[in-house]
Protein backbone atom coordinates (compact mmCIF):
# COMPACT_ATOMS: atom_id res chain seq x y z
CA UNK A 1 0.00 0.00 0.00
CA UNK A 2 2.84 2.38 0.87
CA UNK A 3 4.51 1.55 -2.46
CA UNK A 4 1.28 2.44 -4.28
CA UNK A 5 1.09 5.70 -2.37
CA UNK A 6 4.69 6.56 -3.24
CA UNK A 7 4.23 5.60 -6.90
CA UNK A 8 1.02 7.61 -7.21
CA UNK A 9 2.62 10.53 -5.44
CA UNK A 10 5.67 10.39 -7.71
CA UNK A 11 3.57 10.32 -10.89
CA UNK A 12 1.16 13.10 -9.93
CA UNK A 13 3.80 15.24 -8.24
CA UNK A 14 6.12 14.92 -11.26
CA UNK A 15 3.28 15.84 -13.61
CA UNK A 16 2.28 18.78 -11.44
CA UNK A 17 5.90 19.93 -11.18
CA UNK A 18 6.49 19.66 -14.95
CA UNK A 19 3.21 21.49 -15.52
CA UNK A 20 4.25 24.30 -13.17
CA UNK A 21 7.70 24.54 -14.75
CA UNK A 22 6.13 24.78 -18.21
CA UNK A 23 3.71 27.35 -16.84
CA UNK A 24 6.59 29.38 -15.49
CA UNK A 25 8.85 29.02 -18.54
CA UNK A 26 6.28 30.60 -20.85
CA UNK A 27 5.66 33.46 -18.39
CA UNK A 28 9.22 34.77 -18.93
CA UNK A 29 8.95 35.40 -22.72
CA UNK A 30 5.24 36.19 -22.41
CA UNK A 31 5.80 39.06 -19.98
CA UNK A 32 8.70 40.34 -22.08
CA UNK A 33 6.36 40.45 -25.09
CA UNK A 34 3.28 41.99 -23.42
CA UNK A 35 4.89 43.83 -20.47
CA UNK A 36 3.69 44.25 -16.88
CA UNK A 37 0.44 45.84 -18.03
CA UNK A 38 -0.25 42.96 -20.43
CA UNK A 39 0.46 40.38 -17.76
CA UNK A 40 -1.82 42.24 -15.34
CA UNK A 41 -4.56 42.06 -18.02
CA UNK A 42 -3.99 38.30 -18.34
CA UNK A 43 -4.13 37.99 -14.54
CA UNK A 44 -7.42 39.90 -14.35
CA UNK A 45 -8.99 37.26 -16.61
CA UNK A 46 -7.44 34.18 -15.02
CA UNK A 47 -8.48 35.23 -11.51
CA UNK A 48 -12.25 34.91 -11.97
CA UNK A 49 -11.72 32.02 -14.40
CA UNK A 50 -9.98 29.96 -11.71
CA UNK A 51 -12.81 30.67 -9.26
CA UNK A 52 -15.46 29.74 -11.82
CA UNK A 53 -13.51 26.60 -12.76
CA UNK A 54 -13.61 25.41 -9.17
CA UNK A 55 -17.33 26.15 -8.99
CA UNK A 56 -18.03 24.43 -12.31
CA UNK A 57 -16.30 21.22 -11.27
CA UNK A 58 -17.98 21.49 -7.84
CA UNK A 59 -15.29 19.31 -6.34
CA UNK A 60 -16.86 16.35 -8.12
CA UNK A 61 -13.60 15.03 -9.71
CA UNK A 62 -12.03 14.52 -6.27
CA UNK A 63 -15.36 13.25 -4.93
CA UNK A 64 -15.40 10.76 -7.84
CA UNK A 65 -11.89 9.66 -6.85
CA UNK A 66 -13.01 9.06 -3.28
CA UNK A 67 -16.31 7.35 -4.18
CA UNK A 68 -14.69 5.15 -6.83
CA UNK A 69 -12.04 4.01 -4.35
CA UNK A 70 -14.73 3.33 -1.75
CA UNK A 71 -17.06 1.26 -3.96
CA UNK A 72 -14.20 -0.56 -5.68
CA UNK A 73 -13.08 -1.62 -2.21
CA UNK A 74 -16.66 -2.80 -1.48
CA UNK A 75 -16.70 -4.59 -4.89
CA UNK A 76 -19.75 -2.67 -6.08
CA UNK A 77 -18.98 -2.26 -9.79
CA UNK A 78 -22.61 -1.41 -10.51
CA UNK A 79 -22.34 1.66 -8.30
CA UNK A 80 -19.06 2.68 -9.96
CA UNK A 81 -20.83 2.77 -13.34
CA UNK A 82 -23.62 4.94 -11.95
CA UNK A 83 -21.06 7.27 -10.36
CA UNK A 84 -19.24 7.88 -13.65
CA UNK A 85 -22.40 8.45 -15.71
CA UNK A 86 -24.01 10.72 -13.11
CA UNK A 87 -20.81 12.69 -12.59
CA UNK A 88 -20.27 13.24 -16.32
CA UNK A 89 -23.83 14.55 -16.74
CA UNK A 90 -23.30 17.01 -13.89
CA UNK A 91 -19.95 18.17 -15.31
CA UNK A 92 -21.42 18.89 -18.75
CA UNK A 93 -24.25 20.96 -17.24
CA UNK A 94 -22.09 22.89 -14.77
CA UNK A 95 -19.39 23.51 -17.37
CA UNK A 96 -21.84 25.13 -19.76
CA UNK A 97 -23.54 27.08 -16.97
CA UNK A 98 -20.25 28.45 -15.61
CA UNK A 99 -19.17 29.47 -19.12
CA UNK A 100 -22.36 31.49 -19.61
CA UNK A 101 -22.08 33.07 -16.15
CA UNK A 102 -18.46 34.19 -16.60
CA UNK A 103 -19.16 35.46 -20.10
CA UNK A 104 -22.14 37.54 -18.93
CA UNK A 105 -20.46 38.75 -15.72
CA UNK A 106 -17.34 39.98 -17.56
CA UNK A 107 -18.36 43.71 -17.54
CA UNK A 108 -19.09 43.63 -13.81
CA UNK A 109 -15.81 41.85 -12.95
CA UNK A 110 -13.79 44.17 -15.19
CA UNK A 111 -15.30 47.19 -13.47
CA UNK A 112 -13.92 46.05 -10.12
CA UNK A 113 -10.26 46.22 -11.15
CA UNK A 114 -10.20 49.05 -13.72
CA UNK A 115 -12.17 52.25 -14.12
CA UNK A 116 -11.02 53.17 -17.61
CA UNK A 117 -9.30 56.36 -16.41
CA UNK A 118 -5.63 57.26 -16.71
CA UNK A 119 -2.90 54.72 -17.39
CA UNK A 120 -3.30 50.96 -17.35
CA UNK A 121 -5.68 48.59 -19.09
CA UNK A 122 -9.05 49.72 -20.42
CA UNK A 123 -12.39 48.35 -19.31
CA UNK A 124 -13.06 46.93 -22.78
CA UNK A 125 -9.74 45.04 -22.80
CA UNK A 126 -10.47 43.32 -19.49
CA UNK A 127 -14.01 42.38 -20.61
CA UNK A 128 -12.66 40.93 -23.86
CA UNK A 129 -10.00 38.73 -22.22
CA UNK A 130 -12.37 37.44 -19.52
CA UNK A 131 -14.86 36.41 -22.19
CA UNK A 132 -12.20 34.66 -24.25
CA UNK A 133 -10.93 32.55 -21.34
CA UNK A 134 -14.51 31.61 -20.33
CA UNK A 135 -14.77 29.18 -23.29
CA UNK A 136 -12.34 26.81 -21.55
CA UNK A 137 -15.00 26.15 -18.89
CA UNK A 138 -16.96 24.09 -21.41
CA UNK A 139 -14.21 21.48 -21.77
CA UNK A 140 -12.24 21.44 -18.49
CA UNK A 141 -14.92 19.99 -16.10
CA UNK A 142 -15.46 16.71 -18.06
CA UNK A 143 -11.68 16.34 -18.33
CA UNK A 144 -11.29 16.83 -14.57
CA UNK A 145 -13.93 14.18 -13.86
CA UNK A 146 -12.07 11.57 -15.91
CA UNK A 147 -8.88 12.37 -13.99
CA UNK A 148 -10.72 11.77 -10.72
CA UNK A 149 -12.05 8.46 -12.00
CA UNK A 150 -8.58 7.25 -12.99
CA UNK A 151 -7.17 8.31 -9.60
CA UNK A 152 -9.96 6.46 -7.79
CA UNK A 153 -8.85 3.33 -9.63
CA UNK A 154 -5.23 3.83 -8.46
CA UNK A 155 -4.35 4.58 -12.09
CA UNK A 156 -2.34 7.77 -11.76
CA UNK A 157 -0.46 7.56 -15.08
CA UNK A 158 -3.23 8.83 -17.41
CA UNK A 159 -3.95 11.78 -15.10
CA UNK A 160 -0.25 12.63 -14.96
CA UNK A 161 0.24 12.41 -18.73
CA UNK A 162 -2.90 14.41 -19.50
CA UNK A 163 -1.78 17.14 -17.07
CA UNK A 164 1.55 17.51 -18.87
CA UNK A 165 -0.01 17.34 -22.35
CA UNK A 166 -2.64 19.91 -21.39
CA UNK A 167 -0.06 22.37 -20.11
CA UNK A 168 2.41 21.77 -22.96
CA UNK A 169 -0.31 22.34 -25.58
CA UNK A 170 -1.46 25.49 -23.77
CA UNK A 171 2.06 26.91 -23.46
CA UNK A 172 2.98 26.25 -27.10
CA UNK A 173 -0.29 27.80 -28.29
CA UNK A 174 0.21 30.87 -26.08
CA UNK A 175 3.79 31.54 -27.17
CA UNK A 176 3.14 30.88 -30.85
CA UNK A 177 -0.10 32.86 -30.77
CA UNK A 178 1.39 35.91 -29.02
CA UNK A 179 4.46 36.02 -31.28
CA UNK A 180 2.34 35.75 -34.44
CA UNK A 181 -0.14 38.33 -33.13
CA UNK A 182 2.47 40.94 -32.20
CA UNK A 183 5.39 40.32 -34.56
CA UNK A 184 3.70 39.17 -37.77
CA UNK A 185 0.11 40.42 -37.65
CA UNK A 186 0.99 43.55 -35.62
CA UNK A 187 -2.13 43.27 -33.47
CA UNK A 188 -2.69 45.08 -30.17
CA UNK A 189 -1.61 43.87 -26.72
CA UNK A 190 -5.28 43.26 -25.97
CA UNK A 191 -5.59 40.88 -28.93
CA UNK A 192 -2.35 39.07 -28.06
CA UNK A 193 -3.45 38.54 -24.45
CA UNK A 194 -6.82 37.32 -25.74
CA UNK A 195 -5.03 34.70 -27.86
CA UNK A 196 -3.05 33.67 -24.78
CA UNK A 197 -6.26 33.33 -22.76
CA UNK A 198 -7.75 31.04 -25.42
CA UNK A 199 -4.81 28.70 -24.79
CA UNK A 200 -6.74 27.29 -21.80
CA UNK A 201 -9.38 25.92 -24.18
CA UNK A 202 -6.76 24.41 -26.52
CA UNK A 203 -4.96 22.78 -23.58
CA UNK A 204 -8.25 21.36 -22.30
CA UNK A 205 -8.97 19.72 -25.66
CA UNK A 206 -5.51 18.11 -25.69
CA UNK A 207 -5.77 16.86 -22.09
CA UNK A 208 -9.25 15.42 -22.65
CA UNK A 209 -8.08 13.59 -25.79
CA UNK A 210 -5.32 11.86 -23.79
CA UNK A 211 -7.78 10.73 -21.09
CA UNK A 212 -10.30 9.42 -23.62
CA UNK A 213 -7.55 7.42 -25.30
CA UNK A 214 -6.50 5.80 -22.02
CA UNK A 215 -10.12 5.20 -21.02
CA UNK A 216 -10.71 3.35 -24.29
CA UNK A 217 -7.45 1.42 -23.91
CA UNK A 218 -8.04 0.39 -20.26
CA UNK A 219 -11.83 0.22 -20.25
CA UNK A 220 -11.99 -3.44 -19.20
CA UNK A 221 -9.64 -2.83 -16.28
CA UNK A 222 -11.47 0.31 -15.18
CA UNK A 223 -15.04 -0.89 -15.65
CA UNK A 224 -16.24 -4.47 -15.93
CA UNK A 225 -18.57 -5.28 -18.84
CA UNK A 226 -22.25 -4.89 -17.97
CA UNK A 227 -22.92 -8.65 -18.34
CA UNK A 228 -20.28 -9.42 -15.67
CA UNK A 229 -21.71 -7.05 -13.09
CA UNK A 230 -24.08 -8.12 -10.36
CA UNK A 231 -26.65 -5.31 -10.21
CA UNK A 232 -28.24 -4.46 -6.89
CA UNK A 233 -31.05 -1.97 -6.50
CA UNK A 234 -30.28 -1.06 -2.89
CA UNK A 235 -28.58 2.22 -3.87
CA UNK A 236 -30.44 4.56 -6.22
CA UNK A 237 -29.06 7.22 -8.53
CA UNK A 238 -30.59 9.88 -6.26
CA UNK A 239 -28.73 8.55 -3.22
CA UNK A 240 -25.51 8.48 -5.27
CA UNK A 241 -26.08 12.13 -6.19
CA UNK A 242 -26.62 12.97 -2.53
CA UNK A 243 -23.41 11.19 -1.53
CA UNK A 244 -21.52 12.82 -4.41
CA UNK A 245 -22.72 16.29 -3.43
CA UNK A 246 -21.99 15.61 0.25
CA UNK A 247 -18.40 14.79 -0.66
CA UNK A 248 -18.03 17.38 -3.43
CA UNK A 249 -19.13 20.56 -1.63
CA UNK A 250 -16.22 20.47 0.85
CA UNK A 251 -13.86 19.54 -1.99
CA UNK A 252 -14.91 22.54 -4.06
CA UNK A 253 -14.60 24.87 -1.09
CA UNK A 254 -11.13 23.55 -0.34
CA UNK A 255 -10.19 23.73 -4.02
CA UNK A 256 -11.24 27.35 -3.99
CA UNK A 257 -8.81 28.28 -1.20
CA UNK A 258 -5.81 29.19 -3.38
CA UNK A 259 -7.85 30.91 -6.15
CA UNK A 260 -9.75 32.88 -3.49
CA UNK A 261 -6.51 34.09 -1.90
CA UNK A 262 -5.14 35.01 -5.34
CA UNK A 263 -8.30 36.86 -6.30
CA UNK A 264 -8.47 38.74 -3.02
CA UNK A 265 -5.07 40.16 -3.95
CA UNK A 266 -5.88 40.74 -7.63
CA UNK A 267 -9.13 42.57 -6.89
CA UNK A 268 -7.99 44.62 -3.87
CA UNK A 269 -4.37 45.58 -4.60
CA UNK A 270 -5.19 48.37 -7.08
CA UNK A 271 -7.69 50.19 -4.86
CA UNK A 272 -5.73 49.71 -1.64
CA UNK A 273 -2.47 50.97 -3.14
CA UNK A 274 -4.19 53.95 -4.78
CA UNK A 275 -5.61 54.89 -1.38
CA UNK A 276 -2.04 54.74 -0.03
CA UNK A 277 -0.68 57.26 -2.54
CA UNK A 278 0.32 55.13 -5.55
CA UNK A 279 0.00 56.79 -8.97
CA UNK A 280 -2.33 55.22 -11.54
CA UNK A 281 -0.48 52.49 -13.43
CA UNK A 282 2.00 51.83 -10.61
CA UNK A 283 -0.49 49.68 -8.74
CA UNK A 284 -0.87 47.43 -11.81
CA UNK A 285 2.88 46.87 -11.82
CA UNK A 286 2.77 45.80 -8.15
CA UNK A 287 -0.24 43.57 -8.92
CA UNK A 288 1.69 41.89 -11.74
CA UNK A 289 4.90 41.49 -9.70
CA UNK A 290 3.07 39.88 -6.77
CA UNK A 291 1.44 37.48 -9.24
CA UNK A 292 4.80 36.61 -10.81
CA UNK A 293 6.45 36.05 -7.42
CA UNK A 294 3.54 33.83 -6.46
CA UNK A 295 4.16 31.63 -9.52
CA UNK A 296 7.73 31.02 -8.34
CA UNK A 297 6.56 30.26 -4.79
CA UNK A 298 3.95 27.77 -6.02
CA UNK A 299 6.48 25.72 -8.01
CA UNK A 300 7.67 23.74 -4.95
CA UNK A 301 4.05 23.59 -3.73
CA UNK A 302 3.09 21.95 -7.04
CA UNK A 303 5.51 19.10 -6.34
CA UNK A 304 3.44 18.26 -3.28
CA UNK A 305 0.08 18.64 -5.06
CA UNK A 306 0.30 15.09 -6.39
CA UNK A 307 0.80 13.89 -2.82
CA UNK A 308 -2.35 15.69 -1.67
CA UNK A 309 -4.39 14.09 -4.47
CA UNK A 310 -2.92 10.58 -4.32
CA UNK A 311 -3.39 10.07 -0.58
CA UNK A 312 -7.17 10.57 -0.75
CA UNK A 313 -8.11 7.16 -2.27
CA UNK A 314 -5.47 5.34 -0.19
CA UNK A 315 -6.44 6.85 3.17
CA UNK A 316 -10.14 6.47 2.25
CA UNK A 317 -9.65 2.71 1.75
CA UNK A 318 -7.88 2.38 5.11
CA UNK A 319 -10.61 4.44 6.79
CA UNK A 320 -13.41 2.34 5.24
CA UNK A 321 -11.64 -0.84 6.43
CA UNK A 322 -11.13 0.66 9.93
CA UNK A 323 -7.42 -0.06 9.47
CA UNK A 324 -6.18 2.85 11.59
CA UNK A 325 -2.68 1.43 11.88
CA UNK A 326 -2.20 1.59 8.11
CA UNK A 327 -3.96 4.96 8.01
CA UNK A 328 -1.45 6.45 10.46
CA UNK A 329 1.42 4.91 8.49
CA UNK A 330 0.13 6.51 5.27
CA UNK A 331 -0.39 9.85 6.99
CA UNK A 332 3.10 9.80 8.49
CA UNK A 333 4.60 8.83 5.15
CA UNK A 334 2.76 11.70 3.46
CA UNK A 335 3.94 14.27 6.00
CA UNK A 336 7.53 13.07 5.67
CA UNK A 337 7.48 13.27 1.87
CA UNK A 338 5.94 16.73 2.04
CA UNK A 339 8.50 18.05 4.54
CA UNK A 340 11.40 16.47 2.63
CA UNK A 341 10.42 18.38 -0.53
CA UNK A 342 8.92 21.66 0.60
CA UNK A 343 11.29 22.66 3.39
CA UNK A 344 14.56 22.91 1.41
CA UNK A 345 12.78 24.24 -1.68
CA UNK A 346 11.08 27.14 0.11
CA UNK A 347 14.19 28.03 2.14
CA UNK A 348 16.26 27.88 -1.03
CA UNK A 349 13.95 30.34 -2.80
CA UNK A 350 14.04 32.58 0.28
CA UNK A 351 17.84 32.75 0.36
CA UNK A 352 18.24 33.16 -3.43
CA UNK A 353 15.17 35.41 -3.93
CA UNK A 354 16.91 38.47 -5.42
CA UNK A 355 19.25 36.74 -7.90
CA UNK A 356 16.58 34.16 -8.77
CA UNK A 357 13.97 36.80 -9.65
CA UNK A 358 16.54 38.90 -11.47
CA UNK A 359 17.66 35.89 -13.51
CA UNK A 360 14.18 34.70 -14.48
CA UNK A 361 12.15 37.91 -14.57
CA UNK A 362 14.69 40.69 -15.02
CA UNK A 363 12.35 42.65 -17.31
CA UNK A 364 9.63 42.91 -14.65
CA UNK A 365 10.65 45.28 -11.83
CA UNK A 366 13.59 43.12 -10.61
CA UNK A 367 14.33 45.07 -7.40
CA UNK A 368 10.74 45.09 -6.16
CA UNK A 369 10.25 41.52 -7.41
CA UNK A 370 13.25 40.23 -5.47
CA UNK A 371 12.04 41.86 -2.27
CA UNK A 372 8.50 40.51 -2.64
CA UNK A 373 9.73 37.01 -3.51
CA UNK A 374 11.91 36.94 -0.40
CA UNK A 375 8.94 37.73 1.82
CA UNK A 376 6.63 35.36 -0.08
CA UNK A 377 8.92 32.28 -0.27
CA UNK A 378 8.28 30.73 3.19
CA UNK A 379 4.52 30.91 2.51
CA UNK A 380 5.04 27.79 0.37
CA UNK A 381 5.46 25.78 3.59
CA UNK A 382 2.11 26.94 4.99
CA UNK A 383 0.26 26.45 1.68
CA UNK A 384 1.67 22.94 1.19
CA UNK A 385 0.91 21.78 4.73
CA UNK A 386 -2.55 23.27 4.52
CA UNK A 387 -3.13 21.24 1.33
CA UNK A 388 -1.97 17.94 2.82
CA UNK A 389 -3.90 18.33 6.07
CA UNK A 390 -6.99 19.23 4.05
CA UNK A 391 -6.65 16.02 2.01
CA UNK A 392 -6.22 13.93 5.16
CA UNK A 393 -9.35 15.36 6.74
CA UNK A 394 -11.35 14.94 3.53
CA UNK A 395 -10.34 11.30 3.35
CA UNK A 396 -11.58 10.63 6.91
CA UNK A 397 -14.93 12.39 6.44
CA UNK A 398 -14.19 15.61 8.34
CA UNK A 399 -15.16 17.85 5.41
CA UNK A 400 -17.65 20.11 7.17
CA UNK A 401 -15.16 21.19 9.83
CA UNK A 402 -12.65 22.11 7.12
CA UNK A 403 -15.03 24.72 5.76
CA UNK A 404 -15.08 26.56 9.08
CA UNK A 405 -11.28 26.74 9.19
CA UNK A 406 -11.06 27.93 5.60
CA UNK A 407 -13.58 30.74 6.08
CA UNK A 408 -11.87 31.96 9.25
CA UNK A 409 -8.60 32.17 7.33
CA UNK A 410 -10.23 33.98 4.40
CA UNK A 411 -11.85 36.52 6.71
CA UNK A 412 -8.44 37.21 8.29
CA UNK A 413 -6.91 37.62 4.82
CA UNK A 414 -9.56 40.10 3.64
CA UNK A 415 -9.36 42.25 6.78
CA UNK A 416 -5.56 42.35 6.80
CA UNK A 417 -5.38 43.01 3.05
CA UNK A 418 -6.89 46.43 3.80
CA UNK A 419 -5.12 47.02 7.13
CA UNK A 420 -1.49 45.90 6.63
CA UNK A 421 -0.52 47.71 3.36
CA UNK A 422 -0.83 51.07 5.14
CA UNK A 423 2.08 49.89 7.33
CA UNK A 424 4.05 47.47 5.11
CA UNK A 425 2.95 48.67 1.64
CA UNK A 426 3.27 45.87 -0.99
CA UNK A 427 4.48 43.33 1.56
CA UNK A 428 1.29 43.79 3.60
CA UNK A 429 -0.69 41.67 1.11
CA UNK A 430 1.76 38.79 1.55
CA UNK A 431 1.76 39.02 5.34
CA UNK A 432 -2.05 38.83 5.21
CA UNK A 433 -1.69 35.56 3.27
CA UNK A 434 0.57 34.17 6.02
CA UNK A 435 -1.96 34.94 8.73
CA UNK A 436 -4.86 33.49 6.73
CA UNK A 437 -3.16 30.19 5.91
CA UNK A 438 -1.64 29.83 9.37
CA UNK A 439 -5.08 30.23 10.93
CA UNK A 440 -6.65 27.57 8.68
CA UNK A 441 -3.70 25.18 9.06
CA UNK A 442 -3.82 25.41 12.86
CA UNK A 443 -7.53 24.62 12.73
CA UNK A 444 -6.85 21.54 10.52
CA UNK A 445 -4.16 20.21 12.84
CA UNK A 446 -6.45 20.52 15.86
CA UNK A 447 -9.17 18.54 14.03
CA UNK A 448 -6.70 15.79 13.02
CA UNK A 449 -5.42 15.58 16.59
CA UNK A 450 -8.96 15.28 17.94
CA UNK A 451 -10.12 12.73 15.34
CA UNK A 452 -7.26 10.27 14.88
CA UNK A 453 -4.41 11.67 16.96
CA UNK A 454 -0.84 12.58 16.10
CA UNK A 455 1.04 11.03 19.04
CA UNK A 456 1.56 7.64 17.41
CA UNK A 457 3.15 9.02 14.27
CA UNK A 458 6.69 7.63 14.45
CA UNK A 459 8.25 10.37 12.36
CA UNK A 460 9.34 13.00 14.89
CA UNK A 461 13.07 12.26 14.65
CA UNK A 462 13.00 12.17 10.87
CA UNK A 463 11.03 15.43 10.70
CA UNK A 464 13.55 17.15 12.96
CA UNK A 465 16.44 15.80 10.88
CA UNK A 466 14.86 17.23 7.72
CA UNK A 467 14.37 20.64 9.36
CA UNK A 468 17.96 20.74 10.67
CA UNK A 469 19.37 19.67 7.28
CA UNK A 470 17.33 22.33 5.47
CA UNK A 471 18.54 25.04 7.88
CA UNK A 472 22.17 23.96 7.47
CA UNK A 473 21.73 24.15 3.71
CA UNK A 474 20.08 27.60 3.87
CA UNK A 475 22.79 29.10 6.08
CA UNK A 476 25.62 27.75 3.93
CA UNK A 477 23.94 28.87 0.68
CA UNK A 478 23.40 32.36 2.11
CA UNK A 479 27.11 32.88 2.85
CA UNK A 480 28.10 31.28 -0.45
CA UNK A 481 25.76 33.66 -2.29
CA UNK A 482 27.25 36.69 -0.50
CA UNK A 483 30.74 35.65 -1.60
CA UNK A 484 29.83 34.77 -5.19
CA UNK A 485 27.92 38.02 -5.81
CA UNK A 486 31.20 39.93 -5.45
CA UNK A 487 32.65 38.52 -8.66
CA UNK A 488 30.12 36.20 -10.41
CA UNK A 489 27.08 36.94 -12.56
CA UNK A 490 23.49 36.21 -11.57
CA UNK A 491 23.31 32.99 -13.59
CA UNK A 492 26.43 31.52 -11.98
CA UNK A 493 25.29 32.56 -8.50
CA UNK A 494 21.95 30.79 -8.89
CA UNK A 495 23.37 27.67 -10.57
CA UNK A 496 26.28 27.17 -8.16
CA UNK A 497 24.24 27.92 -5.04
CA UNK A 498 21.35 25.68 -6.16
CA UNK A 499 23.61 22.74 -7.00
CA UNK A 500 25.71 22.96 -3.84
CA UNK A 501 22.57 23.57 -1.79
CA UNK A 502 21.02 20.29 -2.96
CA UNK A 503 24.26 18.42 -2.23
CA UNK A 504 24.56 20.00 1.23
CA UNK A 505 20.97 19.08 2.05
CA UNK A 506 21.43 15.43 1.05
CA UNK A 507 24.79 15.12 2.83
CA UNK A 508 23.42 16.72 6.02
CA UNK A 509 20.36 14.49 5.97
CA UNK A 510 22.50 11.40 5.45
CA UNK A 511 24.89 12.43 8.23
CA UNK A 512 22.14 13.03 10.78
CA UNK A 513 20.43 9.74 9.87
CA UNK A 514 23.64 7.73 9.35
CA UNK A 515 22.79 4.96 11.82
CA UNK A 516 19.25 4.63 10.43
CA UNK A 517 20.52 4.44 6.85
CA UNK A 518 23.14 1.90 7.88
CA UNK A 519 20.54 -0.33 9.53
CA UNK A 520 18.24 0.05 6.52
CA UNK A 521 20.97 -1.10 4.13
CA UNK A 522 21.60 -4.13 6.39
CA UNK A 523 17.92 -5.00 6.22
CA UNK A 524 17.17 -4.18 9.84
């Protein structure tokens, strides 16, 4: 079971990481082509799109994953068939509905971030880009459902491949489309950003095609033929819908957490900074830079996303079987994997923030960007741990309590987004994010402790060894960076510090756990 968890985590985490890297790679030339104002325009559209995407899927893909794992474990193939058909019908309806809503609400949403006066993007440009990106909502929900179904069957490969194909297709379309629009057709920035926004639809088509291919190829493994299924009438379609909705509502609310935090920033930064003396146009630059820094911060978080998704079916099975010993083992394993990845990655970004931002995004306010990235980097730890604790609680049917913790955190974020910038300026928005996530994470941990306990998790020593190794790495990399910056360029500073940082982390971890590693190699 642990091997399955690790394999699923590796596949989904790798896919998520590759997807994030691709998503970041295109941002560099994209922002150089369209500028800070163009990227801000793109961000204005993707903010509400991400919210509407979460609402359109309604958390059903992850609910499908959980329900499929549950009824496969109970050997109820007839119910699995009903789950897939019912879920697909819901996804088609909600996808079309969300598309129409976002398309029609575009003027209202655009009016929140721009007023059409002075510098910056026009109201018409924001409306246009929001409407273009809304078309992707037609195709993404059915694709997401199929991913959930594969994951519920412990088949993580198709989901991983479709994620990479979706992002690769989107990135290639965006870059090619923007270059052709600006350099060959000589269209406006608005038109180029609109082409980029349509990339979400193109990527969705590509990802869905991959999933349909694997579904056709593995259909017999995934779903038994109808003539081999024993059909029982004890569970109706209506009761399946009720169970699906019961599971899906908390999933959608949890899935909304990151988009909500992002949109709180996107839709408040301009007004708040203007009220604190920023000139029109300057606030859009800050808005864009915070968004770009956030992309860098979320790269290490994306590595752990696969872990959050893959543990749901595994922990659900253990919970259904009342196998709490295995459940605790899976939970401990998940926390260790998460800490092993996120701790050195976030500390590394923190230490190398200025040269890293300057290297990757030099054309986008490098001084301000480096400062914001430095403050933002440790937030990756909070976001990642919030994600994993959320998945654990969802898998053990503590969804309703999660909603309370999330809303408390969001309320803290909104209040502080207006209060802190008057003291800390741009950094106030990031500090508000820290407080919001820390509040929700603390709430999650208290619920886990109360429900299944944390005392029996035999990972304390290993967690401490990871933390100590990451700190040793960070301190050494900091002094190395200070020395190298005297005579080496930004590229060399980042490459040398990153490489030696990874080596230092591994060596420190091995040294602290030498006896354990030695016993492991001897088979003890």
